[in-house]
Amino acid sequence: MRHVVAAHGVTDMHLAHYVKAIVEDGIEHSWQQVERWQDQGFEVERAVAEYRFADGATIRRTVERDQFPSELACAECWISYEVLTHGAAQVAPAHKTFGNTCREAFWLRYHLADG
């Protein structure tokens, strides 16, 4: 992971580096809870997981999906990331939300394009 030293002397780390480790690199979660319920005849699932990194950062990822039939290539779902502990670096942004996996993937490509 690449660190950036901010003008105020504190090392900053972009949230995208942690999201990449979770989504693409398959880092193991340290805790996970899955809930399922019915809404208008369709099953909805919410998975909440926390990931602890070697630098001391802890990130919570929440994904909520329903089983509603969709013809969309990127069906609607709700994905959020929240920084619970910053660790050695200040993680920014501290919170990020997406409406589907395509938006999440685009955000990752954009923020990791330079290295």
N, C-alpha and C. Protein backbone atom coordinates (compact mmCIF):
# COMPACT_ATOMS: atom_id res chain seq x y z
N MET A 1 0.83 -1.17 0.00
CA MET A 1 0.00 0.00 0.00
C MET A 1 0.87 1.24 0.00
N ARG A 2 0.47 2.22 -0.75
CA ARG A 2 1.22 3.44 -0.86
C ARG A 2 0.70 4.49 0.11
N HIS A 3 1.58 5.07 0.88
CA HIS A 3 1.23 6.11 1.85
C HIS A 3 1.56 7.47 1.26
N VAL A 4 0.77 8.48 1.62
CA VAL A 4 1.01 9.85 1.21
C VAL A 4 1.18 10.67 2.47
N VAL A 5 2.27 11.44 2.55
CA VAL A 5 2.47 12.30 3.72
C VAL A 5 1.79 13.63 3.43
N ALA A 6 0.81 13.95 4.25
CA ALA A 6 0.05 15.19 4.09
C ALA A 6 0.85 16.37 4.61
N ALA A 7 0.39 17.57 4.27
CA ALA A 7 1.08 18.78 4.67
C ALA A 7 1.19 18.92 6.18
N HIS A 8 0.25 18.37 6.91
CA HIS A 8 0.27 18.48 8.37
C HIS A 8 1.14 17.43 9.02
N GLY A 9 1.86 16.63 8.24
CA GLY A 9 2.83 15.67 8.77
C GLY A 9 2.27 14.30 9.09
N VAL A 10 0.96 14.12 9.00
CA VAL A 10 0.35 12.82 9.27
C VAL A 10 0.26 12.05 7.97
N THR A 11 0.56 10.78 8.01
CA THR A 11 0.50 9.95 6.82
C THR A 11 -0.96 9.64 6.50
N ASP A 12 -1.35 9.86 5.25
CA ASP A 12 -2.71 9.57 4.79
C ASP A 12 -2.70 8.34 3.89
N MET A 13 -3.78 7.55 3.95
CA MET A 13 -3.93 6.38 3.09
C MET A 13 -5.34 6.43 2.51
N HIS A 14 -5.47 6.30 1.21
CA HIS A 14 -6.79 6.34 0.58
C HIS A 14 -7.53 5.04 0.87
N LEU A 15 -8.81 5.17 1.17
CA LEU A 15 -9.67 4.02 1.46
C LEU A 15 -9.64 2.99 0.34
N ALA A 16 -9.44 3.43 -0.89
CA ALA A 16 -9.43 2.52 -2.04
C ALA A 16 -8.41 1.40 -1.89
N HIS A 17 -7.28 1.64 -1.25
CA HIS A 17 -6.27 0.60 -1.06
C HIS A 17 -6.80 -0.53 -0.17
N TYR A 18 -7.57 -0.18 0.84
CA TYR A 18 -8.16 -1.19 1.72
C TYR A 18 -9.30 -1.92 1.02
N VAL A 19 -10.12 -1.18 0.27
CA VAL A 19 -11.23 -1.79 -0.46
C VAL A 19 -10.69 -2.80 -1.47
N LYS A 20 -9.61 -2.46 -2.14
CA LYS A 20 -8.99 -3.40 -3.09
C LYS A 20 -8.58 -4.68 -2.39
N ALA A 21 -7.98 -4.56 -1.22
CA ALA A 21 -7.55 -5.75 -0.47
C ALA A 21 -8.75 -6.61 -0.09
N ILE A 22 -9.88 -5.98 0.22
CA ILE A 22 -11.09 -6.71 0.59
C ILE A 22 -11.73 -7.36 -0.62
N VAL A 23 -11.94 -6.59 -1.69
CA VAL A 23 -12.71 -7.04 -2.85
C VAL A 23 -11.89 -7.88 -3.82
N GLU A 24 -10.69 -7.43 -4.15
CA GLU A 24 -9.90 -8.10 -5.19
C GLU A 24 -8.87 -9.08 -4.65
N ASP A 25 -8.26 -8.76 -3.52
CA ASP A 25 -7.19 -9.59 -3.00
C ASP A 25 -7.68 -10.68 -2.05
N GLY A 26 -8.95 -10.60 -1.66
CA GLY A 26 -9.55 -11.66 -0.84
C GLY A 26 -9.04 -11.73 0.59
N ILE A 27 -8.73 -10.61 1.20
CA ILE A 27 -8.30 -10.62 2.60
C ILE A 27 -9.42 -11.23 3.45
N GLU A 28 -9.05 -11.98 4.46
CA GLU A 28 -10.03 -12.62 5.34
C GLU A 28 -10.63 -11.62 6.32
N HIS A 29 -11.93 -11.73 6.54
CA HIS A 29 -12.57 -10.87 7.53
C HIS A 29 -12.28 -11.42 8.93
N SER A 30 -12.27 -10.54 9.91
CA SER A 30 -12.04 -10.97 11.28
C SER A 30 -13.35 -11.22 12.00
N TRP A 31 -14.46 -10.73 11.42
CA TRP A 31 -15.78 -10.91 12.02
C TRP A 31 -16.82 -10.71 10.93
N GLN A 32 -17.89 -11.51 10.96
CA GLN A 32 -18.95 -11.35 9.96
C GLN A 32 -20.29 -11.75 10.56
N GLN A 33 -21.33 -11.01 10.17
CA GLN A 33 -22.70 -11.31 10.57
C GLN A 33 -23.57 -11.23 9.33
N VAL A 34 -24.41 -12.24 9.12
CA VAL A 34 -25.30 -12.26 7.96
C VAL A 34 -26.74 -12.37 8.46
N GLU A 35 -27.59 -11.48 7.94
CA GLU A 35 -29.02 -11.50 8.27
C GLU A 35 -29.80 -11.70 6.98
N ARG A 36 -30.91 -12.44 7.07
CA ARG A 36 -31.80 -12.63 5.92
C ARG A 36 -33.24 -12.41 6.37
N TRP A 37 -34.03 -11.80 5.49
CA TRP A 37 -35.45 -11.61 5.78
C TRP A 37 -36.21 -11.50 4.46
N GLN A 38 -37.52 -11.57 4.56
CA GLN A 38 -38.40 -11.46 3.39
C GLN A 38 -38.96 -10.05 3.30
N ASP A 39 -38.97 -9.50 2.08
CA ASP A 39 -39.56 -8.19 1.83
C ASP A 39 -40.36 -8.29 0.54
N GLN A 40 -41.65 -8.16 0.64
CA GLN A 40 -42.56 -8.25 -0.51
C GLN A 40 -42.35 -9.53 -1.30
N GLY A 41 -42.11 -10.62 -0.59
CA GLY A 41 -41.96 -11.92 -1.22
C GLY A 41 -40.56 -12.26 -1.73
N PHE A 42 -39.61 -11.38 -1.54
CA PHE A 42 -38.24 -11.61 -2.00
C PHE A 42 -37.30 -11.64 -0.81
N GLU A 43 -36.30 -12.51 -0.89
CA GLU A 43 -35.32 -12.59 0.19
C GLU A 43 -34.32 -11.44 0.07
N VAL A 44 -34.01 -10.84 1.21
CA VAL A 44 -33.01 -9.78 1.30
C VAL A 44 -31.92 -10.29 2.23
N GLU A 45 -30.67 -10.04 1.85
CA GLU A 45 -29.54 -10.46 2.69
C GLU A 45 -28.65 -9.27 2.97
N ARG A 46 -28.27 -9.12 4.24
CA ARG A 46 -27.31 -8.09 4.64
C ARG A 46 -26.13 -8.80 5.30
N ALA A 47 -24.95 -8.57 4.76
CA ALA A 47 -23.72 -9.13 5.32
C ALA A 47 -22.85 -7.98 5.81
N VAL A 48 -22.48 -8.04 7.08
CA VAL A 48 -21.61 -7.03 7.68
C VAL A 48 -20.33 -7.74 8.10
N ALA A 49 -19.19 -7.23 7.64
CA ALA A 49 -17.91 -7.85 7.97
C ALA A 49 -16.91 -6.77 8.38
N GLU A 50 -16.03 -7.13 9.29
CA GLU A 50 -14.95 -6.23 9.69
C GLU A 50 -13.62 -6.86 9.30
N TYR A 51 -12.74 -6.00 8.82
CA TYR A 51 -11.43 -6.42 8.36
C TYR A 51 -10.38 -5.65 9.13
N ARG A 52 -9.42 -6.36 9.71
CA ARG A 52 -8.31 -5.73 10.43
C ARG A 52 -7.04 -5.88 9.60
N PHE A 53 -6.33 -4.78 9.44
CA PHE A 53 -5.13 -4.76 8.62
C PHE A 53 -3.89 -4.66 9.49
N ALA A 54 -2.76 -5.07 8.93
CA ALA A 54 -1.50 -5.11 9.68
C ALA A 54 -1.07 -3.73 10.18
N ASP A 55 -1.51 -2.65 9.50
CA ASP A 55 -1.14 -1.29 9.94
C ASP A 55 -2.03 -0.76 11.05
N GLY A 56 -2.99 -1.59 11.51
CA GLY A 56 -3.87 -1.20 12.60
C GLY A 56 -5.23 -0.70 12.16
N ALA A 57 -5.44 -0.48 10.88
CA ALA A 57 -6.74 0.00 10.40
C ALA A 57 -7.77 -1.12 10.50
N THR A 58 -9.01 -0.73 10.81
CA THR A 58 -10.15 -1.65 10.82
C THR A 58 -11.23 -1.03 9.95
N ILE A 59 -11.70 -1.81 8.97
CA ILE A 59 -12.71 -1.35 8.01
C ILE A 59 -13.93 -2.26 8.11
N ARG A 60 -15.12 -1.64 8.15
CA ARG A 60 -16.37 -2.42 8.13
C ARG A 60 -16.98 -2.30 6.73
N ARG A 61 -17.35 -3.45 6.17
CA ARG A 61 -18.03 -3.48 4.86
C ARG A 61 -19.43 -4.06 5.07
N THR A 62 -20.44 -3.35 4.57
CA THR A 62 -21.82 -3.82 4.65
C THR A 62 -22.34 -3.94 3.23
N VAL A 63 -22.92 -5.11 2.91
CA VAL A 63 -23.51 -5.34 1.59
C VAL A 63 -24.93 -5.85 1.80
N GLU A 64 -25.87 -5.18 1.15
CA GLU A 64 -27.27 -5.60 1.21
C GLU A 64 -27.76 -5.83 -0.21
N ARG A 65 -28.29 -7.03 -0.42
CA ARG A 65 -28.80 -7.42 -1.74
C ARG A 65 -30.16 -8.06 -1.57
N ASP A 66 -30.98 -7.89 -2.61
CA ASP A 66 -32.25 -8.63 -2.60
C ASP A 66 -32.24 -9.60 -3.78
N GLN A 67 -33.15 -10.53 -3.76
CA GLN A 67 -33.24 -11.54 -4.81
C GLN A 67 -34.27 -11.16 -5.87
N PHE A 68 -34.62 -9.88 -5.95
CA PHE A 68 -35.58 -9.39 -6.94
C PHE A 68 -35.00 -9.59 -8.33
N PRO A 69 -35.76 -10.23 -9.24
CA PRO A 69 -35.24 -10.45 -10.60
C PRO A 69 -34.90 -9.13 -11.29
N SER A 70 -33.75 -9.10 -11.95
CA SER A 70 -33.32 -7.89 -12.63
C SER A 70 -32.59 -8.27 -13.91
N GLU A 71 -32.85 -7.51 -14.96
CA GLU A 71 -32.18 -7.71 -16.24
C GLU A 71 -30.93 -6.83 -16.35
N LEU A 72 -30.68 -6.02 -15.35
CA LEU A 72 -29.55 -5.10 -15.40
C LEU A 72 -28.23 -5.83 -15.25
N ALA A 73 -27.22 -5.38 -15.99
CA ALA A 73 -25.89 -5.97 -15.87
C ALA A 73 -25.32 -5.73 -14.48
N CYS A 74 -25.64 -4.58 -13.91
CA CYS A 74 -25.21 -4.23 -12.56
C CYS A 74 -26.44 -3.98 -11.71
N ALA A 75 -26.98 -5.04 -11.19
CA ALA A 75 -28.20 -4.93 -10.39
C ALA A 75 -27.95 -4.09 -9.14
N GLU A 76 -29.01 -3.41 -8.72
CA GLU A 76 -28.92 -2.56 -7.54
C GLU A 76 -28.61 -3.39 -6.30
N CYS A 77 -27.69 -2.87 -5.51
CA CYS A 77 -27.38 -3.41 -4.19
C CYS A 77 -26.80 -2.25 -3.40
N TRP A 78 -26.58 -2.43 -2.12
CA TRP A 78 -26.07 -1.34 -1.31
C TRP A 78 -24.79 -1.81 -0.65
N ILE A 79 -23.71 -1.10 -0.93
CA ILE A 79 -22.39 -1.45 -0.41
C ILE A 79 -21.86 -0.22 0.33
N SER A 80 -21.41 -0.43 1.56
CA SER A 80 -20.80 0.70 2.27
C SER A 80 -19.54 0.25 3.00
N TYR A 81 -18.62 1.19 3.11
CA TYR A 81 -17.37 0.99 3.84
C TYR A 81 -17.28 2.07 4.90
N GLU A 82 -16.85 1.68 6.08
CA GLU A 82 -16.68 2.62 7.18
C GLU A 82 -15.37 2.33 7.88
N VAL A 83 -14.57 3.36 8.08
CA VAL A 83 -13.31 3.21 8.81
C VAL A 83 -13.64 3.24 10.29
N LEU A 84 -13.36 2.13 10.99
CA LEU A 84 -13.62 2.05 12.42
C LEU A 84 -12.40 2.49 13.22
N THR A 85 -11.20 2.11 12.73
CA THR A 85 -9.93 2.47 13.36
C THR A 85 -8.96 2.88 12.27
N HIS A 86 -8.29 3.99 12.43
CA HIS A 86 -7.35 4.47 11.42
C HIS A 86 -5.99 3.79 11.48
N GLY A 87 -5.55 3.38 12.62
CA GLY A 87 -4.24 2.74 12.71
C GLY A 87 -3.11 3.72 12.48
N ALA A 88 -2.04 3.28 11.80
CA ALA A 88 -0.83 4.09 11.61
C ALA A 88 -1.05 5.25 10.64
N ALA A 89 -2.02 5.15 9.76
CA ALA A 89 -2.29 6.20 8.77
C ALA A 89 -3.72 6.70 8.92
N GLN A 90 -3.94 7.93 8.53
CA GLN A 90 -5.28 8.50 8.50
C GLN A 90 -5.94 8.04 7.21
N VAL A 91 -7.00 7.24 7.31
CA VAL A 91 -7.67 6.69 6.13
C VAL A 91 -8.75 7.68 5.68
N ALA A 92 -8.72 8.01 4.39
CA ALA A 92 -9.71 8.93 3.84
C ALA A 92 -10.18 8.43 2.48
N PRO A 93 -11.43 8.57 2.15
CA PRO A 93 -12.49 9.05 3.04
C PRO A 93 -12.80 8.02 4.12
N ALA A 94 -13.41 8.46 5.20
CA ALA A 94 -13.71 7.57 6.33
C ALA A 94 -14.98 6.77 6.09
N HIS A 95 -15.75 7.15 5.06
CA HIS A 95 -16.99 6.44 4.75
C HIS A 95 -17.26 6.55 3.26
N LYS A 96 -17.71 5.46 2.63
CA LYS A 96 -18.04 5.48 1.20
C LYS A 96 -19.17 4.50 0.95
N THR A 97 -20.13 4.91 0.11
CA THR A 97 -21.30 4.09 -0.20
C THR A 97 -21.46 3.98 -1.71
N PHE A 98 -21.90 2.80 -2.17
CA PHE A 98 -22.14 2.55 -3.59
C PHE A 98 -23.53 1.94 -3.77
N GLY A 99 -24.15 2.17 -4.94
CA GLY A 99 -25.46 1.62 -5.24
C GLY A 99 -25.42 0.33 -6.03
N ASN A 100 -24.22 -0.07 -6.50
CA ASN A 100 -24.06 -1.35 -7.18
C ASN A 100 -22.56 -1.66 -7.32
N THR A 101 -22.26 -2.88 -7.72
CA THR A 101 -20.85 -3.31 -7.81
C THR A 101 -20.10 -2.62 -8.95
N CYS A 102 -20.81 -2.20 -9.99
CA CYS A 102 -20.14 -1.49 -11.09
C CYS A 102 -19.60 -0.15 -10.63
N ARG A 103 -20.36 0.57 -9.84
CA ARG A 103 -19.89 1.86 -9.32
C ARG A 103 -18.69 1.66 -8.39
N GLU A 104 -18.75 0.60 -7.59
CA GLU A 104 -17.63 0.28 -6.71
C GLU A 104 -16.37 -0.01 -7.53
N ALA A 105 -16.50 -0.81 -8.58
CA ALA A 105 -15.37 -1.17 -9.42
C ALA A 105 -14.80 0.06 -10.14
N PHE A 106 -15.67 0.94 -10.64
CA PHE A 106 -15.20 2.16 -11.31
C PHE A 106 -14.43 3.04 -10.33
N TRP A 107 -14.96 3.22 -9.12
CA TRP A 107 -14.30 4.03 -8.09
C TRP A 107 -12.91 3.47 -7.78
N LEU A 108 -12.82 2.15 -7.67
CA LEU A 108 -11.52 1.52 -7.40
C LEU A 108 -10.53 1.79 -8.53
N ARG A 109 -10.95 1.56 -9.77
CA ARG A 109 -10.07 1.79 -10.92
C ARG A 109 -9.61 3.25 -10.96
N TYR A 110 -10.51 4.17 -10.72
CA TYR A 110 -10.18 5.60 -10.76
C TYR A 110 -9.13 5.95 -9.69
N HIS A 111 -9.34 5.50 -8.46
CA HIS A 111 -8.46 5.89 -7.37
C HIS A 111 -7.16 5.09 -7.30
N LEU A 112 -7.08 3.97 -8.00
CA LEU A 112 -5.86 3.18 -7.99
C LEU A 112 -5.09 3.27 -9.30
N ALA A 113 -5.57 4.08 -10.23
CA ALA A 113 -4.96 4.18 -11.56
C ALA A 113 -3.52 4.68 -11.53
N ASP A 114 -3.19 5.51 -10.55
CA ASP A 114 -1.85 6.08 -10.51
C ASP A 114 -0.84 5.23 -9.76
N GLY A 115 -1.22 4.06 -9.37
CA GLY A 115 -0.20 3.26 -8.72
C GLY A 115 -0.75 2.22 -7.86
